Amino acid sequence: MSGNLPGVWGTWGGYLPFFVAGFLACEPWRWAGVLLGRGLDPQSEVFIWARAVSSAIVAGLVSRIVVFPTGALAAMSVPTRYGAAAVGIAAFFAFRKSLGAGVVAGTLALLGGYFTIG
């Protein structure tokens, strides 16, 4: 008997249990959130607090990555990392708090700094 099982367990079938497990672990909670959150006011104090907490967590993680980098980012100089972060923040505020503009500008600044400063 060969190593591949027929049918759904063929070439990509080995991944099927992972997809099903991931779907079953996440999807019911998403639907429960949709059903339970339908009548809630997005401007309520609970949502404002949740947005503030999630923004603080993301800011903390990004700060940690910039200040204490690992992997390829650790090979870049401190001025390059801090300068790219400053450019990204400035672009975020310059383009009406556009997250995409901040990410693109910060990434381009990081790459530009890496190839010029190191």
N, C-alpha and C. Protein backbone atom coordinates (compact mmCIF):
# COMPACT_ATOMS: atom_id res chain seq x y z
N MET A 1 0.84 -1.18 0.00
CA MET A 1 0.00 0.00 0.00
C MET A 1 0.88 1.23 0.00
N SER A 2 0.51 2.23 -0.79
CA SER A 2 1.34 3.44 -0.91
C SER A 2 1.11 4.35 0.29
N GLY A 3 1.92 5.41 0.37
CA GLY A 3 1.85 6.35 1.49
C GLY A 3 0.65 7.28 1.42
N ASN A 4 0.05 7.46 0.24
CA ASN A 4 -1.10 8.36 0.11
C ASN A 4 -2.40 7.57 0.18
N LEU A 5 -3.32 8.05 0.98
CA LEU A 5 -4.63 7.43 1.03
C LEU A 5 -5.51 8.05 -0.05
N PRO A 6 -6.45 7.32 -0.59
CA PRO A 6 -7.26 7.84 -1.69
C PRO A 6 -8.30 8.86 -1.20
N GLY A 7 -8.89 9.53 -2.15
CA GLY A 7 -10.01 10.43 -1.85
C GLY A 7 -9.58 11.70 -1.16
N VAL A 8 -10.32 12.05 -0.14
CA VAL A 8 -10.09 13.32 0.54
C VAL A 8 -8.74 13.35 1.25
N TRP A 9 -8.15 12.20 1.54
CA TRP A 9 -6.87 12.16 2.23
C TRP A 9 -5.70 12.17 1.26
N GLY A 10 -5.92 12.56 0.03
CA GLY A 10 -4.87 12.61 -0.98
C GLY A 10 -3.81 13.65 -0.66
N THR A 11 -3.37 14.36 -1.66
CA THR A 11 -2.26 15.29 -1.52
C THR A 11 -2.53 16.36 -0.46
N TRP A 12 -3.70 17.01 -0.50
CA TRP A 12 -4.02 18.08 0.43
C TRP A 12 -4.90 17.61 1.59
N GLY A 13 -5.33 16.38 1.55
CA GLY A 13 -6.27 15.89 2.55
C GLY A 13 -5.72 15.83 3.96
N GLY A 14 -4.41 15.74 4.10
CA GLY A 14 -3.83 15.71 5.43
C GLY A 14 -4.05 17.00 6.21
N TYR A 15 -4.32 18.08 5.48
CA TYR A 15 -4.56 19.36 6.13
C TYR A 15 -6.02 19.53 6.56
N LEU A 16 -6.89 18.71 6.05
CA LEU A 16 -8.31 18.84 6.33
C LEU A 16 -8.64 18.86 7.83
N PRO A 17 -8.09 17.98 8.64
CA PRO A 17 -8.40 18.05 10.07
C PRO A 17 -8.00 19.38 10.72
N PHE A 18 -6.91 19.98 10.25
CA PHE A 18 -6.49 21.26 10.80
C PHE A 18 -7.47 22.37 10.42
N PHE A 19 -7.93 22.35 9.17
CA PHE A 19 -8.91 23.36 8.74
C PHE A 19 -10.22 23.20 9.50
N VAL A 20 -10.67 21.97 9.65
CA VAL A 20 -11.93 21.73 10.36
C VAL A 20 -11.79 22.13 11.83
N ALA A 21 -10.69 21.76 12.46
CA ALA A 21 -10.49 22.12 13.86
C ALA A 21 -10.40 23.63 14.04
N GLY A 22 -9.71 24.30 13.14
CA GLY A 22 -9.62 25.75 13.21
C GLY A 22 -10.97 26.41 13.01
N PHE A 23 -11.73 25.88 12.08
CA PHE A 23 -13.07 26.43 11.82
C PHE A 23 -13.97 26.23 13.02
N LEU A 24 -13.98 25.02 13.57
CA LEU A 24 -14.86 24.72 14.70
C LEU A 24 -14.45 25.45 15.98
N ALA A 25 -13.17 25.76 16.10
CA ALA A 25 -12.71 26.47 17.29
C ALA A 25 -13.05 27.95 17.25
N CYS A 26 -13.12 28.53 16.06
CA CYS A 26 -13.30 29.99 15.94
C CYS A 26 -14.69 30.42 15.49
N GLU A 27 -15.23 29.75 14.54
CA GLU A 27 -16.46 30.23 13.89
C GLU A 27 -17.67 30.34 14.82
N PRO A 28 -17.94 29.37 15.68
CA PRO A 28 -19.10 29.54 16.57
C PRO A 28 -19.00 30.78 17.45
N TRP A 29 -17.79 31.11 17.88
CA TRP A 29 -17.63 32.30 18.72
C TRP A 29 -17.86 33.58 17.93
N ARG A 30 -17.45 33.58 16.67
CA ARG A 30 -17.69 34.75 15.83
C ARG A 30 -19.18 34.97 15.63
N TRP A 31 -19.91 33.90 15.37
CA TRP A 31 -21.36 34.02 15.18
C TRP A 31 -22.05 34.41 16.48
N ALA A 32 -21.58 33.89 17.60
CA ALA A 32 -22.16 34.28 18.89
C ALA A 32 -21.93 35.77 19.14
N GLY A 33 -20.77 36.26 18.78
CA GLY A 33 -20.49 37.69 18.92
C GLY A 33 -21.37 38.54 18.04
N VAL A 34 -21.62 38.08 16.82
CA VAL A 34 -22.51 38.81 15.92
C VAL A 34 -23.93 38.84 16.47
N LEU A 35 -24.41 37.71 16.93
CA LEU A 35 -25.77 37.65 17.44
C LEU A 35 -25.95 38.44 18.74
N LEU A 36 -24.98 38.34 19.63
CA LEU A 36 -25.09 39.04 20.91
C LEU A 36 -24.81 40.54 20.78
N GLY A 37 -23.99 40.91 19.83
CA GLY A 37 -23.60 42.31 19.70
C GLY A 37 -24.46 43.14 18.77
N ARG A 38 -25.49 42.54 18.20
CA ARG A 38 -26.34 43.27 17.24
C ARG A 38 -26.97 44.52 17.81
N GLY A 39 -27.44 44.46 19.04
CA GLY A 39 -28.17 45.59 19.61
C GLY A 39 -27.30 46.56 20.41
N LEU A 40 -25.99 46.33 20.44
CA LEU A 40 -25.12 47.18 21.25
C LEU A 40 -24.73 48.44 20.48
N ASP A 41 -24.57 49.54 21.20
CA ASP A 41 -24.18 50.81 20.62
C ASP A 41 -22.66 50.86 20.50
N PRO A 42 -22.12 51.05 19.28
CA PRO A 42 -20.66 51.07 19.13
C PRO A 42 -20.01 52.27 19.79
N GLN A 43 -20.78 53.27 20.18
CA GLN A 43 -20.23 54.44 20.86
C GLN A 43 -20.40 54.36 22.38
N SER A 44 -20.80 53.19 22.88
CA SER A 44 -20.99 53.04 24.32
C SER A 44 -19.63 53.01 25.02
N GLU A 45 -19.66 53.21 26.32
CA GLU A 45 -18.42 53.26 27.09
C GLU A 45 -17.68 51.93 27.06
N VAL A 46 -18.39 50.83 26.97
CA VAL A 46 -17.75 49.51 26.92
C VAL A 46 -16.92 49.37 25.65
N PHE A 47 -17.48 49.78 24.51
CA PHE A 47 -16.74 49.69 23.26
C PHE A 47 -15.58 50.66 23.23
N ILE A 48 -15.77 51.85 23.75
CA ILE A 48 -14.67 52.83 23.79
C ILE A 48 -13.54 52.28 24.65
N TRP A 49 -13.88 51.66 25.79
CA TRP A 49 -12.87 51.06 26.65
C TRP A 49 -12.16 49.90 25.94
N ALA A 50 -12.92 49.05 25.25
CA ALA A 50 -12.33 47.90 24.55
C ALA A 50 -11.38 48.37 23.45
N ARG A 51 -11.77 49.41 22.71
CA ARG A 51 -10.87 49.95 21.67
C ARG A 51 -9.60 50.52 22.29
N ALA A 52 -9.75 51.21 23.42
CA ALA A 52 -8.57 51.79 24.08
C ALA A 52 -7.62 50.69 24.56
N VAL A 53 -8.17 49.63 25.14
CA VAL A 53 -7.33 48.54 25.63
C VAL A 53 -6.64 47.82 24.46
N SER A 54 -7.38 47.55 23.39
CA SER A 54 -6.76 46.86 22.26
C SER A 54 -5.70 47.74 21.59
N SER A 55 -5.94 49.03 21.51
CA SER A 55 -4.92 49.94 20.95
C SER A 55 -3.68 49.98 21.82
N ALA A 56 -3.87 49.98 23.13
CA ALA A 56 -2.72 49.99 24.05
C ALA A 56 -1.91 48.71 23.93
N ILE A 57 -2.58 47.58 23.76
CA ILE A 57 -1.87 46.31 23.62
C ILE A 57 -1.05 46.30 22.33
N VAL A 58 -1.63 46.75 21.24
CA VAL A 58 -0.91 46.80 19.96
C VAL A 58 0.27 47.75 20.06
N ALA A 59 0.06 48.93 20.66
CA ALA A 59 1.16 49.89 20.82
C ALA A 59 2.29 49.31 21.66
N GLY A 60 1.93 48.59 22.71
CA GLY A 60 2.95 47.97 23.54
C GLY A 60 3.74 46.90 22.80
N LEU A 61 3.06 46.10 22.02
CA LEU A 61 3.75 45.05 21.26
C LEU A 61 4.66 45.64 20.19
N VAL A 62 4.18 46.66 19.49
CA VAL A 62 5.03 47.30 18.47
C VAL A 62 6.23 47.96 19.13
N SER A 63 6.02 48.61 20.26
CA SER A 63 7.14 49.23 20.98
C SER A 63 8.17 48.19 21.41
N ARG A 64 7.69 47.07 21.88
CA ARG A 64 8.61 46.00 22.30
C ARG A 64 9.41 45.49 21.11
N ILE A 65 8.77 45.35 19.97
CA ILE A 65 9.46 44.86 18.78
C ILE A 65 10.52 45.86 18.32
N VAL A 66 10.22 47.15 18.42
CA VAL A 66 11.18 48.18 17.98
C VAL A 66 12.34 48.29 18.97
N VAL A 67 12.04 48.26 20.27
CA VAL A 67 13.08 48.47 21.28
C VAL A 67 13.90 47.20 21.52
N PHE A 68 13.25 46.05 21.56
CA PHE A 68 13.93 44.78 21.82
C PHE A 68 13.68 43.82 20.66
N PRO A 69 14.28 44.07 19.49
CA PRO A 69 13.98 43.24 18.32
C PRO A 69 14.66 41.87 18.39
N THR A 70 14.11 40.96 17.62
CA THR A 70 14.71 39.64 17.45
C THR A 70 14.81 39.36 15.96
N GLY A 71 15.55 38.36 15.60
CA GLY A 71 15.65 37.95 14.21
C GLY A 71 16.32 38.98 13.33
N ALA A 72 15.79 39.16 12.14
CA ALA A 72 16.38 40.06 11.15
C ALA A 72 16.32 41.52 11.60
N LEU A 73 15.29 41.88 12.34
CA LEU A 73 15.17 43.26 12.80
C LEU A 73 16.29 43.61 13.79
N ALA A 74 16.81 42.65 14.51
CA ALA A 74 17.89 42.90 15.46
C ALA A 74 19.18 43.28 14.74
N ALA A 75 19.33 42.91 13.48
CA ALA A 75 20.52 43.25 12.72
C ALA A 75 20.52 44.70 12.27
N MET A 76 19.38 45.37 12.35
CA MET A 76 19.29 46.77 11.92
C MET A 76 19.70 47.69 13.06
N SER A 77 20.23 48.84 12.69
CA SER A 77 20.71 49.77 13.70
C SER A 77 19.55 50.41 14.46
N VAL A 78 19.86 50.91 15.65
CA VAL A 78 18.85 51.57 16.48
C VAL A 78 18.27 52.80 15.78
N PRO A 79 19.09 53.69 15.19
CA PRO A 79 18.50 54.84 14.50
C PRO A 79 17.57 54.44 13.35
N THR A 80 17.89 53.36 12.67
CA THR A 80 17.02 52.89 11.58
C THR A 80 15.67 52.46 12.12
N ARG A 81 15.67 51.66 13.18
CA ARG A 81 14.41 51.19 13.75
C ARG A 81 13.59 52.33 14.32
N TYR A 82 14.21 53.20 15.13
CA TYR A 82 13.47 54.29 15.75
C TYR A 82 13.01 55.31 14.71
N GLY A 83 13.85 55.57 13.71
CA GLY A 83 13.46 56.50 12.65
C GLY A 83 12.29 55.99 11.84
N ALA A 84 12.29 54.70 11.53
CA ALA A 84 11.19 54.11 10.77
C ALA A 84 9.90 54.14 11.58
N ALA A 85 10.01 53.91 12.89
CA ALA A 85 8.83 53.99 13.74
C ALA A 85 8.29 55.41 13.77
N ALA A 86 9.18 56.39 13.84
CA ALA A 86 8.75 57.80 13.85
C ALA A 86 8.10 58.18 12.53
N VAL A 87 8.65 57.72 11.42
CA VAL A 87 8.06 58.00 10.11
C VAL A 87 6.68 57.35 10.00
N GLY A 88 6.54 56.14 10.46
CA GLY A 88 5.25 55.46 10.43
C GLY A 88 4.20 56.17 11.26
N ILE A 89 4.59 56.62 12.45
CA ILE A 89 3.65 57.35 13.31
C ILE A 89 3.26 58.67 12.67
N ALA A 90 4.24 59.38 12.11
CA ALA A 90 3.95 60.66 11.46
C ALA A 90 3.01 60.48 10.27
N ALA A 91 3.24 59.43 9.47
CA ALA A 91 2.37 59.18 8.32
C ALA A 91 0.96 58.80 8.78
N PHE A 92 0.87 58.06 9.87
CA PHE A 92 -0.44 57.68 10.41
C PHE A 92 -1.26 58.93 10.71
N PHE A 93 -0.66 59.90 11.39
CA PHE A 93 -1.39 61.11 11.75
C PHE A 93 -1.55 62.06 10.56
N ALA A 94 -0.59 62.07 9.64
CA ALA A 94 -0.66 62.97 8.49
C ALA A 94 -1.77 62.58 7.52
N PHE A 95 -2.06 61.29 7.44
CA PHE A 95 -3.09 60.81 6.51
C PHE A 95 -4.37 60.44 7.25
N ARG A 96 -4.81 61.31 8.14
CA ARG A 96 -6.09 61.16 8.86
C ARG A 96 -6.21 59.83 9.59
N LYS A 97 -5.19 59.51 10.32
CA LYS A 97 -5.13 58.28 11.12
C LYS A 97 -5.35 57.02 10.27
N SER A 98 -4.66 56.99 9.14
CA SER A 98 -4.74 55.84 8.24
C SER A 98 -3.69 54.80 8.64
N LEU A 99 -4.15 53.66 9.11
CA LEU A 99 -3.23 52.60 9.52
C LEU A 99 -2.39 52.12 8.34
N GLY A 100 -3.02 51.99 7.17
CA GLY A 100 -2.29 51.55 5.98
C GLY A 100 -1.16 52.48 5.62
N ALA A 101 -1.42 53.79 5.67
CA ALA A 101 -0.37 54.77 5.35
C ALA A 101 0.78 54.67 6.34
N GLY A 102 0.46 54.49 7.62
CA GLY A 102 1.51 54.37 8.62
C GLY A 102 2.36 53.13 8.43
N VAL A 103 1.71 52.01 8.12
CA VAL A 103 2.45 50.75 7.92
C VAL A 103 3.33 50.84 6.68
N VAL A 104 2.78 51.35 5.58
CA VAL A 104 3.55 51.44 4.33
C VAL A 104 4.72 52.41 4.51
N ALA A 105 4.48 53.58 5.08
CA ALA A 105 5.55 54.56 5.26
C ALA A 105 6.62 54.04 6.21
N GLY A 106 6.22 53.40 7.29
CA GLY A 106 7.19 52.84 8.23
C GLY A 106 8.02 51.74 7.61
N THR A 107 7.37 50.89 6.82
CA THR A 107 8.09 49.80 6.15
C THR A 107 9.09 50.34 5.14
N LEU A 108 8.64 51.30 4.35
CA LEU A 108 9.55 51.90 3.36
C LEU A 108 10.72 52.62 4.04
N ALA A 109 10.44 53.31 5.14
CA ALA A 109 11.51 53.97 5.88
C ALA A 109 12.48 52.95 6.48
N LEU A 110 11.96 51.84 6.96
CA LEU A 110 12.81 50.79 7.52
C LEU A 110 13.72 50.21 6.44
N LEU A 111 13.15 49.93 5.29
CA LEU A 111 13.96 49.39 4.19
C LEU A 111 14.96 50.41 3.68
N GLY A 112 14.51 51.66 3.54
CA GLY A 112 15.43 52.71 3.10
C GLY A 112 16.57 52.92 4.08
N GLY A 113 16.25 52.94 5.36
CA GLY A 113 17.29 53.10 6.36
C GLY A 113 18.25 51.92 6.41
N TYR A 114 17.73 50.74 6.21
CA TYR A 114 18.57 49.55 6.23
C TYR A 114 19.58 49.58 5.08
N PHE A 115 19.11 49.98 3.91
CA PHE A 115 20.01 49.97 2.75
C PHE A 115 20.95 51.18 2.72
N THR A 116 20.67 52.24 3.47
CA THR A 116 21.57 53.38 3.49
C THR A 116 22.42 53.42 4.76
N ILE A 117 21.81 53.18 5.93
CA ILE A 117 22.55 53.26 7.19
C ILE A 117 23.02 51.88 7.65
N GLY A 118 22.12 50.93 7.54
CA GLY A 118 22.45 49.58 7.96
C GLY A 118 21.70 49.12 9.17
